[in-house]
């Protein structure tokens, strides 16, 4: 039976003191020590800057890249999400986006956690934090970081191209 969001105690290895990181790709190596696959992810990106849209397995069952392109949206059209088993590393390749962020512990769940897809959704907080993800920059979201990607910058939707690395914990 699925549990409700993150109410079930999680393994100690997942509970971390880390919080969302926003960095330039030029400085990304500073964070390699936080997970052994971060360096592998950024090396893949350097070797494949024009990878086609879709899923790319980099290390079986541990690291994959989801390359995506499209149009940003009104924040009201998205939902905050978080993951238990993966760290998300979002990298803007072209265009840009705003990403809303909030700590999972401060949010109310919005339905059951989908363990098969490793995603849970949350109701919007009264005032979320917002970060601008511009080309050449990366944002790292840990399991305790709920995030709503692909929000438009300014009043109009705009084109973007990005990669999201799904980095398995443990």
Protein backbone atom coordinates (compact mmCIF):
# COMPACT_ATOMS: atom_id res chain seq x y z
CA UNK A 1 0.00 0.00 0.00
CA UNK A 2 1.47 3.40 -0.92
CA UNK A 3 2.25 5.75 1.90
CA UNK A 4 1.21 9.38 1.97
CA UNK A 5 4.02 11.53 0.63
CA UNK A 6 7.07 11.40 2.87
CA UNK A 7 5.29 10.48 6.11
CA UNK A 8 7.00 7.08 6.19
CA UNK A 9 10.46 7.28 7.79
CA UNK A 10 13.19 7.27 5.18
CA UNK A 11 16.55 5.51 5.45
CA UNK A 12 19.18 7.54 7.29
CA UNK A 13 21.32 7.69 4.13
CA UNK A 14 18.68 9.83 2.43
CA UNK A 15 18.28 12.35 5.23
CA UNK A 16 20.93 14.96 4.54
CA UNK A 17 21.89 18.45 5.57
CA UNK A 18 22.06 19.47 1.90
CA UNK A 19 19.80 22.10 0.43
CA UNK A 20 19.14 23.16 -3.12
CA UNK A 21 22.25 24.35 -4.97
CA UNK A 22 22.39 26.88 -7.80
CA UNK A 23 25.75 27.10 -9.57
CA UNK A 24 27.38 27.86 -12.88
CA UNK A 25 28.65 24.93 -14.93
CA UNK A 26 32.12 26.46 -14.62
CA UNK A 27 31.90 25.95 -10.84
CA UNK A 28 30.04 22.61 -10.84
CA UNK A 29 33.17 20.60 -9.96
CA UNK A 30 33.04 22.18 -6.49
CA UNK A 31 30.12 19.86 -5.75
CA UNK A 32 31.61 16.58 -7.07
CA UNK A 33 32.30 15.37 -3.51
CA UNK A 34 28.59 15.49 -2.65
CA UNK A 35 27.80 12.51 -4.88
CA UNK A 36 30.16 10.22 -6.81
CA UNK A 37 28.10 10.54 -10.02
CA UNK A 38 28.01 14.34 -10.25
CA UNK A 39 31.36 14.43 -12.09
CA UNK A 40 30.14 11.70 -14.46
CA UNK A 41 26.98 13.67 -15.25
CA UNK A 42 28.84 16.87 -16.07
CA UNK A 43 31.44 14.97 -18.12
CA UNK A 44 28.60 13.45 -20.15
CA UNK A 45 27.17 16.92 -20.75
CA UNK A 46 30.54 18.24 -21.95
CA UNK A 47 30.82 15.30 -24.36
CA UNK A 48 27.19 15.51 -25.54
CA UNK A 49 26.15 19.19 -25.61
CA UNK A 50 23.79 18.61 -28.53
CA UNK A 51 22.28 15.32 -27.37
CA UNK A 52 18.82 14.71 -28.86
CA UNK A 53 15.73 15.10 -26.71
CA UNK A 54 14.83 11.98 -24.78
CA UNK A 55 16.22 9.72 -22.07
CA UNK A 56 19.89 8.73 -22.13
CA UNK A 57 21.22 6.04 -19.78
CA UNK A 58 24.70 7.01 -18.57
CA UNK A 59 25.22 4.49 -15.74
CA UNK A 60 22.64 1.69 -15.65
CA UNK A 61 20.14 2.08 -12.79
CA UNK A 62 22.15 4.96 -11.29
CA UNK A 63 22.38 7.92 -13.66
CA UNK A 64 20.37 9.07 -16.65
CA UNK A 65 19.94 12.29 -18.55
CA UNK A 66 16.54 13.55 -19.67
CA UNK A 67 17.05 16.08 -22.45
CA UNK A 68 14.00 18.25 -23.11
CA UNK A 69 13.00 21.28 -25.18
CA UNK A 70 9.74 23.17 -25.22
CA UNK A 71 8.02 26.28 -23.95
CA UNK A 72 7.91 27.55 -20.38
CA UNK A 73 4.49 27.83 -18.71
CA UNK A 74 2.51 29.85 -16.23
CA UNK A 75 3.50 28.70 -12.70
CA UNK A 76 -0.17 28.05 -11.94
CA UNK A 77 -0.05 25.24 -14.53
CA UNK A 78 2.59 23.20 -12.67
CA UNK A 79 2.99 21.44 -9.35
CA UNK A 80 5.80 21.22 -6.84
CA UNK A 81 7.40 17.78 -6.98
CA UNK A 82 10.02 15.89 -5.00
CA UNK A 83 11.71 12.52 -5.23
CA UNK A 84 12.82 9.97 -2.63
CA UNK A 85 15.35 7.91 -4.52
CA UNK A 86 16.91 10.45 -6.87
CA UNK A 87 18.63 13.81 -6.84
CA UNK A 88 17.56 16.04 -9.73
CA UNK A 89 20.23 18.15 -11.40
CA UNK A 90 18.61 20.63 -13.80
CA UNK A 91 20.89 22.28 -16.38
CA UNK A 92 19.69 25.07 -18.68
CA UNK A 93 21.16 24.68 -22.17
CA UNK A 94 19.21 27.41 -24.00
CA UNK A 95 16.52 29.88 -23.05
CA UNK A 96 15.86 29.89 -19.35
CA UNK A 97 13.22 29.24 -16.75
CA UNK A 98 12.14 30.07 -13.26
CA UNK A 99 11.96 27.20 -10.79
CA UNK A 100 9.89 27.51 -7.65
CA UNK A 101 11.42 25.79 -4.63
CA UNK A 102 10.32 24.96 -1.07
CA UNK A 103 11.42 22.57 1.64
CA UNK A 104 9.29 19.41 1.69
CA UNK A 105 8.91 19.70 5.45
CA UNK A 106 7.03 22.99 5.08
CA UNK A 107 4.51 21.67 2.53
CA UNK A 108 1.24 19.76 2.48
CA UNK A 109 1.14 16.71 0.22
CA UNK A 110 -1.09 16.68 -2.84
CA UNK A 111 -1.97 13.00 -3.23
CA UNK A 112 -0.09 9.75 -2.72
CA UNK A 113 3.59 9.27 -3.49
CA UNK A 114 4.10 7.37 -6.76
CA UNK A 115 6.92 4.96 -5.85
CA UNK A 116 7.08 3.47 -9.36
CA UNK A 117 7.94 6.88 -10.85
CA UNK A 118 9.67 8.20 -7.71
CA UNK A 119 7.60 11.38 -7.52
CA UNK A 120 5.34 13.06 -5.01
CA UNK A 121 3.47 16.33 -5.47
CA UNK A 122 2.75 19.14 -3.05
CA UNK A 123 0.39 22.06 -2.66
CA UNK A 124 1.92 25.46 -3.34
CA UNK A 125 3.17 27.34 -0.27
CA UNK A 126 1.92 30.91 0.24
CA UNK A 127 5.29 32.31 -0.88
CA UNK A 128 7.72 29.93 -2.59
CA UNK A 129 11.35 30.74 -3.22
CA UNK A 130 12.05 31.33 -6.89
CA UNK A 131 15.32 30.85 -8.72
CA UNK A 132 16.24 31.81 -12.27
CA UNK A 133 17.96 29.00 -14.14
CA UNK A 134 19.88 30.53 -17.04
CA UNK A 135 21.96 28.81 -19.74
CA UNK A 136 25.27 27.63 -18.37
CA UNK A 137 23.86 27.09 -14.88
CA UNK A 138 22.70 24.07 -12.88
CA UNK A 139 20.34 23.59 -9.95
CA UNK A 140 20.60 20.54 -7.67
CA UNK A 141 17.46 19.39 -5.87
CA UNK A 142 17.80 16.84 -3.05
CA UNK A 143 14.90 14.64 -1.85
CA UNK A 144 13.90 17.30 0.71
CA UNK A 145 13.69 20.00 -2.00
CA UNK A 146 10.31 20.31 -3.70
CA UNK A 147 10.61 22.08 -7.03
CA UNK A 148 8.33 23.33 -9.79
CA UNK A 149 10.35 23.64 -13.00
CA UNK A 150 9.61 25.25 -16.35
CA UNK A 151 7.93 28.39 -15.04
CA UNK A 152 8.01 31.27 -17.47
CA UNK A 153 10.28 34.26 -17.00
CA UNK A 154 8.28 37.48 -17.22
CA UNK A 155 4.83 37.59 -18.72
CA UNK A 156 5.26 35.40 -21.79
CA UNK A 157 6.16 31.76 -22.34
CA UNK A 158 9.56 31.28 -23.98
CA UNK A 159 11.51 28.46 -25.61
CA UNK A 160 13.95 26.44 -23.49
CA UNK A 161 16.29 23.49 -23.86
CA UNK A 162 17.56 21.66 -20.78
CA UNK A 163 18.83 18.42 -19.36
CA UNK A 164 17.75 16.91 -16.06
CA UNK A 165 20.11 14.36 -14.60
CA UNK A 166 18.41 11.76 -12.42
CA UNK A 167 21.09 10.70 -9.92
CA UNK A 168 20.24 7.66 -7.83
CA UNK A 169 20.90 7.93 -4.09
CA UNK A 170 22.81 5.23 -2.28
